[in-house]
PDB file of N, CA and C in Angstrom:
ATOM      1  N   MET A   1     120.944  98.907  29.686  1.00  0.00           N
ATOM      2  CA  MET A   1     121.971  98.933  30.697  1.00  0.00           C
ATOM      3  C   MET A   1     122.702 100.286  30.706  1.00  0.00           C
ATOM      4  N   LEU A   2     123.144 100.721  29.525  1.00  0.00           N
ATOM      5  CA  LEU A   2     123.844 102.005  29.462  1.00  0.00           C
ATOM      6  C   LEU A   2     122.914 103.169  29.782  1.00  0.00           C
ATOM      7  N   THR A   3     121.648 103.018  29.410  1.00  0.00           N
ATOM      8  CA  THR A   3     120.690 104.079  29.716  1.00  0.00           C
ATOM      9  C   THR A   3     120.512 104.218  31.221  1.00  0.00           C
ATOM     10  N   THR A   4     120.448 103.090  31.912  1.00  0.00           N
ATOM     11  CA  THR A   4     120.324 103.117  33.368  1.00  0.00           C
ATOM     12  C   THR A   4     121.531 103.810  33.995  1.00  0.00           C
ATOM     13  N   ILE A   5     122.709 103.475  33.512  1.00  0.00           N
ATOM     14  CA  ILE A   5     123.921 104.115  34.023  1.00  0.00           C
ATOM     15  C   ILE A   5     123.901 105.608  33.723  1.00  0.00           C
ATOM     16  N   ALA A   6     123.459 105.980  32.512  1.00  0.00           N
ATOM     17  CA  ALA A   6     123.397 107.397  32.148  1.00  0.00           C
ATOM     18  C   ALA A   6     122.431 108.153  33.052  1.00  0.00           C
ATOM     19  N   ILE A   7     121.269 107.556  33.338  1.00  0.00           N
ATOM     20  CA  ILE A   7     120.290 108.214  34.211  1.00  0.00           C
ATOM     21  C   ILE A   7     120.858 108.387  35.615  1.00  0.00           C
ATOM     22  N   ILE A   8     121.504 107.353  36.126  1.00  0.00           N
ATOM     23  CA  ILE A   8     122.109 107.440  37.462  1.00  0.00           C
ATOM     24  C   ILE A   8     123.169 108.534  37.489  1.00  0.00           C
ATOM     25  N   LEU A   9     123.986 108.596  36.444  1.00  0.00           N
ATOM     26  CA  LEU A   9     125.036 109.616  36.398  1.00  0.00           C
ATOM     27  C   LEU A   9     124.456 111.022  36.298  1.00  0.00           C
ATOM     28  N   ILE A  10     123.365 111.173  35.556  1.00  0.00           N
ATOM     29  CA  ILE A  10     122.730 112.496  35.460  1.00  0.00           C
ATOM     30  C   ILE A  10     122.177 112.917  36.816  1.00  0.00           C
ATOM     31  N   VAL A  11     121.543 111.988  37.531  1.00  0.00           N
ATOM     32  CA  VAL A  11     121.019 112.311  38.865  1.00  0.00           C
ATOM     33  C   VAL A  11     122.165 112.676  39.805  1.00  0.00           C
ATOM     34  N   LEU A  12     123.240 111.907  39.774  1.00  0.00           N
ATOM     35  CA  LEU A  12     124.398 112.226  40.618  1.00  0.00           C
ATOM     36  C   LEU A  12     125.011 113.564  40.240  1.00  0.00           C
ATOM     37  N   TRP A  13     125.035 113.847  38.929  1.00  0.00           N
ATOM     38  CA  TRP A  13     125.564 115.133  38.485  1.00  0.00           C
ATOM     39  C   TRP A  13     124.713 116.278  39.026  1.00  0.00           C
ATOM     40  N   LEU A  14     123.393 116.109  38.949  1.00  0.00           N
ATOM     41  CA  LEU A  14     122.515 117.158  39.470  1.00  0.00           C
ATOM     42  C   LEU A  14     122.714 117.356  40.969  1.00  0.00           C
ATOM     43  N   LEU A  15     122.857 116.262  41.705  1.00  0.00           N
ATOM     44  CA  LEU A  15     123.127 116.379  43.142  1.00  0.00           C
ATOM     45  C   LEU A  15     124.454 117.082  43.391  1.00  0.00           C
ATOM     46  N   GLY A  16     125.461 116.737  42.611  1.00  0.00           N
ATOM     47  CA  GLY A  16     126.757 117.379  42.758  1.00  0.00           C
ATOM     48  C   GLY A  16     126.712 118.842  42.371  1.00  0.00           C
ATOM     49  N   PHE A  17     125.941 119.154  41.358  1.00  0.00           N
ATOM     50  CA  PHE A  17     125.832 120.536  40.898  1.00  0.00           C
ATOM     51  C   PHE A  17     125.157 121.411  41.947  1.00  0.00           C
ATOM     52  N   VAL A  18     124.178 120.833  42.644  1.00  0.00           N
ATOM     53  CA  VAL A  18     123.414 121.601  43.624  1.00  0.00           C
ATOM     54  C   VAL A  18     124.135 121.711  44.958  1.00  0.00           C
ATOM     55  N   GLY A  19     124.672 120.587  45.458  1.00  0.00           N
ATOM     56  CA  GLY A  19     125.137 120.648  46.832  1.00  0.00           C
ATOM     57  C   GLY A  19     126.526 120.136  47.133  1.00  0.00           C
ATOM     58  N   PHE A  20     127.075 119.263  46.340  1.00  0.00           N
ATOM     59  CA  PHE A  20     128.349 118.655  46.689  1.00  0.00           C
ATOM     60  C   PHE A  20     129.450 119.184  45.770  1.00  0.00           C
ATOM     61  N   HIS A  21     129.984 120.327  46.116  1.00  0.00           N
ATOM     62  CA  HIS A  21     130.967 120.979  45.248  1.00  0.00           C
ATOM     63  C   HIS A  21     132.280 120.207  45.197  1.00  0.00           C
ATOM     64  N   ILE A  22     132.560 119.419  46.217  1.00  0.00           N
ATOM     65  CA  ILE A  22     133.814 118.670  46.240  1.00  0.00           C
ATOM     66  C   ILE A  22     133.814 117.584  45.179  1.00  0.00           C
ATOM     67  N   LEU A  23     132.683 116.874  45.038  1.00  0.00           N
ATOM     68  CA  LEU A  23     132.581 115.794  44.060  1.00  0.00           C
ATOM     69  C   LEU A  23     132.109 116.278  42.699  1.00  0.00           C
ATOM     70  N   GLY A  24     131.844 117.546  42.558  1.00  0.00           N
ATOM     71  CA  GLY A  24     131.291 118.078  41.315  1.00  0.00           C
ATOM     72  C   GLY A  24     132.140 117.786  40.096  1.00  0.00           C
ATOM     73  N   GLY A  25     133.448 117.955  40.198  1.00  0.00           N
ATOM     74  CA  GLY A  25     134.325 117.704  39.059  1.00  0.00           C
ATOM     75  C   GLY A  25     134.297 116.248  38.636  1.00  0.00           C
ATOM     76  N   PHE A  26     134.317 115.334  39.596  1.00  0.00           N
ATOM     77  CA  PHE A  26     134.278 113.906  39.297  1.00  0.00           C
ATOM     78  C   PHE A  26     132.959 113.529  38.636  1.00  0.00           C
ATOM     79  N   ILE A  27     131.866 114.082  39.130  1.00  0.00           N
ATOM     80  CA  ILE A  27     130.553 113.761  38.579  1.00  0.00           C
ATOM     81  C   ILE A  27     130.429 114.325  37.163  1.00  0.00           C
ATOM     82  N   HIS A  28     131.016 115.476  36.894  1.00  0.00           N
ATOM     83  CA  HIS A  28     130.994 116.021  35.541  1.00  0.00           C
ATOM     84  C   HIS A  28     131.748 115.100  34.578  1.00  0.00           C
ATOM     85  N   ILE A  29     132.858 114.546  35.033  1.00  0.00           N
ATOM     86  CA  ILE A  29     133.599 113.607  34.189  1.00  0.00           C
ATOM     87  C   ILE A  29     132.752 112.378  33.899  1.00  0.00           C
ATOM     88  N   LEU A  30     132.068 111.855  34.909  1.00  0.00           N
ATOM     89  CA  LEU A  30     131.193 110.698  34.712  1.00  0.00           C
ATOM     90  C   LEU A  30     130.052 111.022  33.746  1.00  0.00           C
ATOM     91  N   LEU A  31     129.527 112.226  33.829  1.00  0.00           N
ATOM     92  CA  LEU A  31     128.459 112.637  32.918  1.00  0.00           C
ATOM     93  C   LEU A  31     128.958 112.681  31.475  1.00  0.00           C
ATOM     94  N   VAL A  32     130.149 113.190  31.271  1.00  0.00           N
ATOM     95  CA  VAL A  32     130.721 113.229  29.925  1.00  0.00           C
ATOM     96  C   VAL A  32     130.899 111.808  29.396  1.00  0.00           C
ATOM     97  N   ILE A  33     131.353 110.890  30.229  1.00  0.00           N
ATOM     98  CA  ILE A  33     131.512 109.493  29.814  1.00  0.00           C
ATOM     99  C   ILE A  33     130.160 108.904  29.439  1.00  0.00           C
ATOM    100  N   ALA A  34     129.127 109.192  30.224  1.00  0.00           N
ATOM    101  CA  ALA A  34     127.790 108.678  29.925  1.00  0.00           C
ATOM    102  C   ALA A  34     127.281 109.217  28.586  1.00  0.00           C
ATOM    103  N   ILE A  35     127.528 110.469  28.299  1.00  0.00           N
ATOM    104  CA  ILE A  35     127.090 111.055  27.030  1.00  0.00           C
ATOM    105  C   ILE A  35     127.842 110.422  25.866  1.00  0.00           C
ATOM    106  N   ILE A  36     129.136 110.183  26.047  1.00  0.00           N
ATOM    107  CA  ILE A  36     129.921 109.535  24.994  1.00  0.00           C
ATOM    108  C   ILE A  36     129.386 108.137  24.722  1.00  0.00           C
ATOM    109  N   LEU A  37     129.093 107.371  25.775  1.00  0.00           N
ATOM    110  CA  LEU A  37     128.546 106.027  25.592  1.00  0.00           C
ATOM    111  C   LEU A  37     127.191 106.080  24.890  1.00  0.00           C
ATOM    112  N   PHE A  38     126.378 107.059  25.230  1.00  0.00           N
ATOM    113  CA  PHE A  38     125.081 107.234  24.587  1.00  0.00           C
ATOM    114  C   PHE A  38     125.264 107.506  23.095  1.00  0.00           C
ATOM    115  N   LEU A  39     126.199 108.391  22.761  1.00  0.00           N
ATOM    116  CA  LEU A  39     126.449 108.718  21.356  1.00  0.00           C
ATOM    117  C   LEU A  39     126.993 107.520  20.587  1.00  0.00           C
ATOM    118  N   ILE A  40     127.821 106.706  21.216  1.00  0.00           N
ATOM    119  CA  ILE A  40     128.331 105.501  20.561  1.00  0.00           C
ATOM    120  C   ILE A  40     127.179 104.571  20.214  1.00  0.00           C
ATOM    121  N   ARG A  41     126.215 104.417  21.125  1.00  0.00           N
ATOM    122  CA  ARG A  41     125.055 103.566  20.835  1.00  0.00           C
ATOM    123  C   ARG A  41     124.251 104.121  19.666  1.00  0.00           C
ATOM    124  N   VAL A  42     124.095 105.436  19.596  1.00  0.00           N
ATOM    125  CA  VAL A  42     123.342 106.049  18.504  1.00  0.00           C
ATOM    126  C   VAL A  42     124.082 105.841  17.181  1.00  0.00           C
ATOM    127  N   ILE A  43     125.379 106.031  17.183  1.00  0.00           N
ATOM    128  CA  ILE A  43     126.170 105.880  15.960  1.00  0.00           C
ATOM    129  C   ILE A  43     126.127 104.435  15.460  1.00  0.00           C
ATOM    130  N   ARG A  44     126.159 103.480  16.385  1.00  0.00           N
ATOM    131  CA  ARG A  44     126.098 102.053  16.007  1.00  0.00           C
ATOM    132  C   ARG A  44     124.716 101.650  15.503  1.00  0.00           C
ATOM    133  N   GLY A  45     123.724 102.479  15.711  1.00  0.00           N
ATOM    134  CA  GLY A  45     122.367 102.174  15.255  1.00  0.00           C
ATOM    135  C   GLY A  45     121.550 101.404  16.278  1.00  0.00           C
ATOM    136  N   GLU A  46     122.057 101.278  17.486  1.00  0.00           N
ATOM    137  CA  GLU A  46     121.308 100.604  18.535  1.00  0.00           C
ATOM    138  C   GLU A  46     120.285 101.561  19.123  1.00  0.00           C
ATOM    139  N   ASN A  47     119.301 101.008  19.794  1.00  0.00           N
ATOM    140  CA  ASN A  47     118.299 101.834  20.468  1.00  0.00           C
ATOM    141  C   ASN A  47     118.942 102.432  21.721  1.00  0.00           C
ATOM    142  N   PRO A  48     119.159 103.739  21.772  1.00  0.00           N
ATOM    143  CA  PRO A  48     119.851 104.320  22.923  1.00  0.00           C
ATOM    144  C   PRO A  48     118.996 104.350  24.184  1.00  0.00           C
ATOM    145  N   LEU A  49     117.704 104.154  24.066  1.00  0.00           N
ATOM    146  CA  LEU A  49     116.824 104.229  25.223  1.00  0.00           C
ATOM    147  C   LEU A  49     116.468 102.874  25.789  1.00  0.00           C
ATOM    148  N   LYS A  50     117.048 101.818  25.257  1.00  0.00           N
ATOM    149  CA  LYS A  50     116.743 100.475  25.743  1.00  0.00           C
ATOM    150  C   LYS A  50     117.749 100.014  26.751  1.00  0.00           C
TER     151      LYS A  50
END
């Protein structure tokens, strides 16, 4: 579930980075949140790719 959200956020971040400068800051914040959630799963010992 978190991996799916992380992938969606990365795709949105890439779209924002390339063309949507207005939403770029918001998408960067979402990307940071996704990375933090990913790291929490790794620290807990869960499979981060599931």
